[in-house]
């Protein structure tokens, strides 16, 4: 995501986050946004 966007916005009824992808897309912040634990896979290959 960081190759595509300089910032990401996550909005839910109870959570708002706007920052760089590596700061916003963490397991902790995603779990807060979605209300459950999430898995996160980070890879270095470009998107096709």
C-alpha atoms as a PDB file:
ATOM      1  CA  UNK A   1       0.000   0.000   0.000  1.00  0.00           C
ATOM      2  CA  UNK A   2       2.841   2.408   0.753  1.00  0.00           C
ATOM      3  CA  UNK A   3       3.907   2.274  -2.918  1.00  0.00           C
ATOM      4  CA  UNK A   4       0.441   3.377  -4.021  1.00  0.00           C
ATOM      5  CA  UNK A   5      -0.708   5.849  -1.338  1.00  0.00           C
ATOM      6  CA  UNK A   6       1.049   8.372   0.862  1.00  0.00           C
ATOM      7  CA  UNK A   7      -1.781   8.238   3.426  1.00  0.00           C
ATOM      8  CA  UNK A   8      -4.678   5.910   4.215  1.00  0.00           C
ATOM      9  CA  UNK A   9      -7.968   6.718   5.889  1.00  0.00           C
ATOM     10  CA  UNK A  10      -9.773   4.162   8.051  1.00  0.00           C
ATOM     11  CA  UNK A  11     -13.264   5.111   9.225  1.00  0.00           C
ATOM     12  CA  UNK A  12     -15.689   3.191  11.389  1.00  0.00           C
ATOM     13  CA  UNK A  13     -18.401   4.319  13.777  1.00  0.00           C
ATOM     14  CA  UNK A  14     -15.939   4.200  16.672  1.00  0.00           C
ATOM     15  CA  UNK A  15     -12.528   4.661  15.075  1.00  0.00           C
ATOM     16  CA  UNK A  16     -10.791   7.118  12.757  1.00  0.00           C
ATOM     17  CA  UNK A  17      -7.227   6.886  11.520  1.00  0.00           C
ATOM     18  CA  UNK A  18      -5.451   8.971   8.851  1.00  0.00           C
ATOM     19  CA  UNK A  19      -1.730   8.504   8.414  1.00  0.00           C
ATOM     20  CA  UNK A  20       0.989   6.829   6.357  1.00  0.00           C
ATOM     21  CA  UNK A  21       0.175   3.198   5.467  1.00  0.00           C
ATOM     22  CA  UNK A  22       2.918   1.681   7.615  1.00  0.00           C
ATOM     23  CA  UNK A  23       1.567   3.548  10.654  1.00  0.00           C
ATOM     24  CA  UNK A  24      -2.133   3.025   9.969  1.00  0.00           C
ATOM     25  CA  UNK A  25      -2.095  -0.585   8.820  1.00  0.00           C
ATOM     26  CA  UNK A  26      -0.872  -2.277  11.983  1.00  0.00           C
ATOM     27  CA  UNK A  27      -2.535  -5.319  13.557  1.00  0.00           C
ATOM     28  CA  UNK A  28      -3.433  -3.271  16.638  1.00  0.00           C
ATOM     29  CA  UNK A  29      -5.076  -0.381  14.761  1.00  0.00           C
ATOM     30  CA  UNK A  30      -6.866  -2.711  12.350  1.00  0.00           C
ATOM     31  CA  UNK A  31      -8.195  -4.764  15.275  1.00  0.00           C
ATOM     32  CA  UNK A  32      -9.502  -1.567  16.881  1.00  0.00           C
ATOM     33  CA  UNK A  33     -11.152  -0.537  13.598  1.00  0.00           C
ATOM     34  CA  UNK A  34     -12.750  -3.930  12.880  1.00  0.00           C
ATOM     35  CA  UNK A  35     -13.414  -4.992  16.461  1.00  0.00           C
ATOM     36  CA  UNK A  36     -11.540  -8.308  16.189  1.00  0.00           C
ATOM     37  CA  UNK A  37      -7.962  -9.513  15.872  1.00  0.00           C
ATOM     38  CA  UNK A  38      -6.621  -9.466  12.325  1.00  0.00           C
ATOM     39  CA  UNK A  39      -3.659 -10.977  10.549  1.00  0.00           C
ATOM     40  CA  UNK A  40      -1.313  -8.836   8.519  1.00  0.00           C
ATOM     41  CA  UNK A  41       1.015 -10.004   5.764  1.00  0.00           C
ATOM     42  CA  UNK A  42       3.694  -7.607   4.515  1.00  0.00           C
ATOM     43  CA  UNK A  43       5.561  -8.371   1.313  1.00  0.00           C
ATOM     44  CA  UNK A  44       7.988  -6.512  -0.913  1.00  0.00           C
ATOM     45  CA  UNK A  45       6.730  -7.655  -4.303  1.00  0.00           C
ATOM     46  CA  UNK A  46       4.983  -5.051  -6.499  1.00  0.00           C
ATOM     47  CA  UNK A  47       1.267  -5.333  -7.142  1.00  0.00           C
ATOM     48  CA  UNK A  48       0.297  -6.538 -10.582  1.00  0.00           C
END
